[in-house]
C-alpha atoms as a PDB file:
ATOM      1  CA  MET A   1     -27.179 -13.066  43.377  1.00  0.00           C
ATOM      2  CA  SER A   2     -25.782 -11.533  46.154  1.00  0.00           C
ATOM      3  CA  ASP A   3     -28.254 -10.324  48.758  1.00  0.00           C
ATOM      4  CA  PRO A   4     -29.077  -7.299  49.485  1.00  0.00           C
ATOM      5  CA  GLU A   5     -29.300  -8.085  53.259  1.00  0.00           C
ATOM      6  CA  THR A   6     -25.638  -9.317  53.497  1.00  0.00           C
ATOM      7  CA  TRP A   7     -23.839  -6.293  50.573  1.00  0.00           C
ATOM      8  CA  SER A   8     -20.349  -5.119  52.319  1.00  0.00           C
ATOM      9  CA  PRO A   9     -18.309  -2.202  51.699  1.00  0.00           C
ATOM     10  CA  CYS A  10     -15.366  -2.398  48.853  1.00  0.00           C
ATOM     11  CA  PRO A  11     -11.590  -3.992  50.490  1.00  0.00           C
ATOM     12  CA  SER A  12      -9.435  -1.109  50.419  1.00  0.00           C
ATOM     13  CA  GLY A  13      -7.845  -0.234  46.937  1.00  0.00           C
ATOM     14  CA  GLU A  14     -10.726  -1.946  45.611  1.00  0.00           C
ATOM     15  CA  LEU A  15     -12.631   1.488  43.385  1.00  0.00           C
ATOM     16  CA  SER A  16      -8.983   2.494  42.553  1.00  0.00           C
ATOM     17  CA  LYS A  17      -7.843  -0.844  41.212  1.00  0.00           C
ATOM     18  CA  LEU A  18     -11.149  -0.446  38.958  1.00  0.00           C
ATOM     19  CA  GLN A  19     -10.640   3.123  37.997  1.00  0.00           C
ATOM     20  CA  LYS A  20      -6.752   2.089  36.193  1.00  0.00           C
ATOM     21  CA  SER A  21      -7.862  -0.756  34.356  1.00  0.00           C
ATOM     22  CA  LEU A  22     -10.845   1.151  33.212  1.00  0.00           C
ATOM     23  CA  GLU A  23      -8.288   3.457  32.123  1.00  0.00           C
ATOM     24  CA  HIS A  24      -5.867   1.296  31.187  1.00  0.00           C
ATOM     25  CA  ASP A  25      -8.834   0.173  28.520  1.00  0.00           C
ATOM     26  CA  ILE A  26      -9.153   3.607  27.218  1.00  0.00           C
ATOM     27  CA  ASN A  27      -6.139   4.428  25.960  1.00  0.00           C
ATOM     28  CA  ARG A  28      -5.842   0.864  24.669  1.00  0.00           C
ATOM     29  CA  ARG A  29      -8.578   1.946  22.270  1.00  0.00           C
ATOM     30  CA  SER A  30      -7.496   4.829  21.904  1.00  0.00           C
ATOM     31  CA  ARG A  31      -4.231   3.792  20.666  1.00  0.00           C
ATOM     32  CA  ARG A  32      -6.441   0.902  18.481  1.00  0.00           C
ATOM     33  CA  ARG A  33      -7.786   3.564  16.712  1.00  0.00           C
ATOM     34  CA  PHE A  34      -5.040   5.623  15.938  1.00  0.00           C
ATOM     35  CA  LEU A  35      -3.095   3.038  14.370  1.00  0.00           C
ATOM     36  CA  ALA A  36      -6.206   2.427  12.177  1.00  0.00           C
ATOM     37  CA  ALA A  37      -6.192   5.580  10.999  1.00  0.00           C
ATOM     38  CA  GLY A  38      -2.668   5.726  10.520  1.00  0.00           C
ATOM     39  CA  GLY A  39      -2.954   2.186   8.505  1.00  0.00           C
ATOM     40  CA  VAL A  40      -5.966   3.434   6.553  1.00  0.00           C
ATOM     41  CA  PHE A  41      -4.135   6.789   6.016  1.00  0.00           C
ATOM     42  CA  PHE A  42      -0.752   5.120   4.517  1.00  0.00           C
ATOM     43  CA  LEU A  43      -3.004   2.868   2.709  1.00  0.00           C
ATOM     44  CA  ALA A  44      -4.023   5.567   0.832  1.00  0.00           C
ATOM     45  CA  THR A  45      -1.103   7.480   0.670  1.00  0.00           C
ATOM     46  CA  GLY A  46       0.612   3.890  -1.299  1.00  0.00           C
ATOM     47  CA  SER A  47      -2.339   3.831  -3.333  1.00  0.00           C
ATOM     48  CA  LEU A  48      -2.156   7.320  -4.560  1.00  0.00           C
ATOM     49  CA  VAL A  49       1.185   6.777  -5.792  1.00  0.00           C
ATOM     50  CA  THR A  50       1.586   3.522  -7.261  1.00  0.00           C
ATOM     51  CA  TRP A  51      -1.388   5.495  -9.405  1.00  0.00           C
ATOM     52  CA  GLY A  52       0.110   8.240 -10.423  1.00  0.00           C
ATOM     53  CA  ILE A  53       3.165   6.101 -11.025  1.00  0.00           C
ATOM     54  CA  LEU A  54       0.935   3.471 -13.588  1.00  0.00           C
ATOM     55  CA  GLU A  55      -0.218   6.757 -15.163  1.00  0.00           C
ATOM     56  CA  SER A  56       3.187   8.358 -15.400  1.00  0.00           C
ATOM     57  CA  ASN A  57       4.024   5.371 -17.066  1.00  0.00           C
ATOM     58  CA  SER A  58       0.685   4.959 -19.346  1.00  0.00           C
ATOM     59  CA  ARG A  59       1.056   7.799 -20.977  1.00  0.00           C
ATOM     60  CA  TYR A  60       4.952   7.308 -21.961  1.00  0.00           C
ATOM     61  CA  ALA A  61       2.878   3.636 -23.466  1.00  0.00           C
ATOM     62  CA  HIS A  62       0.967   5.213 -26.646  1.00  0.00           C
ATOM     63  CA  LYS A  63       4.345   7.553 -27.827  1.00  0.00           C
ATOM     64  CA  ILE A  64       5.911   4.377 -28.999  1.00  0.00           C
ATOM     65  CA  SER A  65       4.541   1.287 -31.538  1.00  0.00           C
ATOM     66  CA  CYS A  66       4.788  -2.113 -31.082  1.00  0.00           C
ATOM     67  CA  ARG A  67       6.607  -2.044 -34.089  1.00  0.00           C
ATOM     68  CA  GLU A  68      10.028  -0.198 -33.017  1.00  0.00           C
ATOM     69  CA  VAL A  69       9.336  -1.816 -29.345  1.00  0.00           C
ATOM     70  CA  LEU A  70       9.142  -5.554 -31.740  1.00  0.00           C
ATOM     71  CA  ASP A  71      12.762  -3.567 -33.744  1.00  0.00           C
ATOM     72  CA  LEU A  72      14.121  -2.453 -30.422  1.00  0.00           C
ATOM     73  CA  ARG A  73      13.383  -6.487 -29.175  1.00  0.00           C
ATOM     74  CA  SER A  74      17.237  -7.830 -29.441  1.00  0.00           C
ATOM     75  CA  THR A  75      19.260  -4.062 -28.615  1.00  0.00           C
ATOM     76  CA  TYR A  76      16.936  -3.719 -25.558  1.00  0.00           C
ATOM     77  CA  LEU A  77      17.074  -7.330 -23.901  1.00  0.00           C
ATOM     78  CA  ALA A  78      21.098  -7.075 -24.912  1.00  0.00           C
ATOM     79  CA  GLY A  79      21.454  -3.944 -22.166  1.00  0.00           C
ATOM     80  CA  ARG A  80      22.495  -2.062 -25.681  1.00  0.00           C
ATOM     81  CA  ILE A  81      19.588   0.754 -25.880  1.00  0.00           C
ATOM     82  CA  GLU A  82      21.612   4.333 -24.866  1.00  0.00           C
ATOM     83  CA  SER A  83      18.754   6.643 -24.530  1.00  0.00           C
ATOM     84  CA  ASP A  84      17.243   6.752 -21.490  1.00  0.00           C
ATOM     85  CA  GLU A  85      14.184   8.327 -22.387  1.00  0.00           C
ATOM     86  CA  LYS A  86      13.800   5.200 -25.234  1.00  0.00           C
ATOM     87  CA  ARG A  87      14.012   2.664 -22.537  1.00  0.00           C
ATOM     88  CA  LYS A  88      11.778   3.936 -20.859  1.00  0.00           C
ATOM     89  CA  LEU A  89       9.188   4.740 -23.801  1.00  0.00           C
ATOM     90  CA  ILE A  90       9.579   0.959 -24.225  1.00  0.00           C
ATOM     91  CA  GLN A  91       9.567  -0.736 -20.702  1.00  0.00           C
ATOM     92  CA  ALA A  92       5.698   1.842 -20.115  1.00  0.00           C
ATOM     93  CA  HIS A  93       4.794   0.167 -23.686  1.00  0.00           C
ATOM     94  CA  LEU A  94       5.702  -3.289 -22.397  1.00  0.00           C
ATOM     95  CA  ALA A  95       3.631  -2.887 -19.246  1.00  0.00           C
ATOM     96  CA  HIS A  96       0.514  -2.096 -21.210  1.00  0.00           C
ATOM     97  CA  CYS A  97       0.980  -4.144 -24.355  1.00  0.00           C
ATOM     98  CA  PRO A  98       0.389  -7.847 -23.408  1.00  0.00           C
ATOM     99  CA  LYS A  99       1.174  -8.996 -27.360  1.00  0.00           C
ATOM    100  CA  CYS A 100       4.667  -6.998 -26.832  1.00  0.00           C
ATOM    101  CA  ARG A 101       5.714  -8.340 -23.580  1.00  0.00           C
ATOM    102  CA  ILE A 102       4.698 -12.412 -24.775  1.00  0.00           C
ATOM    103  CA  ALA A 103       7.024 -11.083 -27.786  1.00  0.00           C
ATOM    104  CA  TYR A 104       9.989 -10.140 -25.153  1.00  0.00           C
ATOM    105  CA  GLU A 105       9.205 -12.842 -22.608  1.00  0.00           C
ATOM    106  CA  ALA A 106       9.945 -15.602 -25.828  1.00  0.00           C
END
């Protein structure tokens, strides 16, 4: 530690430099908080959107039976399902039914 007897005033401009440095640190912390809050917002939004998509698919999954899905396997794989609604039903069913998904992958 320096001896109180040898204390000398700060050089000219030193306090201004210190003030600018502190302001810079405060601004940097503010930007970090803003970015962190934005990241949380986007993660939450993405989670809700994903959940909504999965939930809407699960509504369709039970509207078509495994037997129907398996009977339409060759037609579906050949891309010859005419109805968009039927194609969505099959896709939703396959997303939720491991048994049918395995049959389609075989």
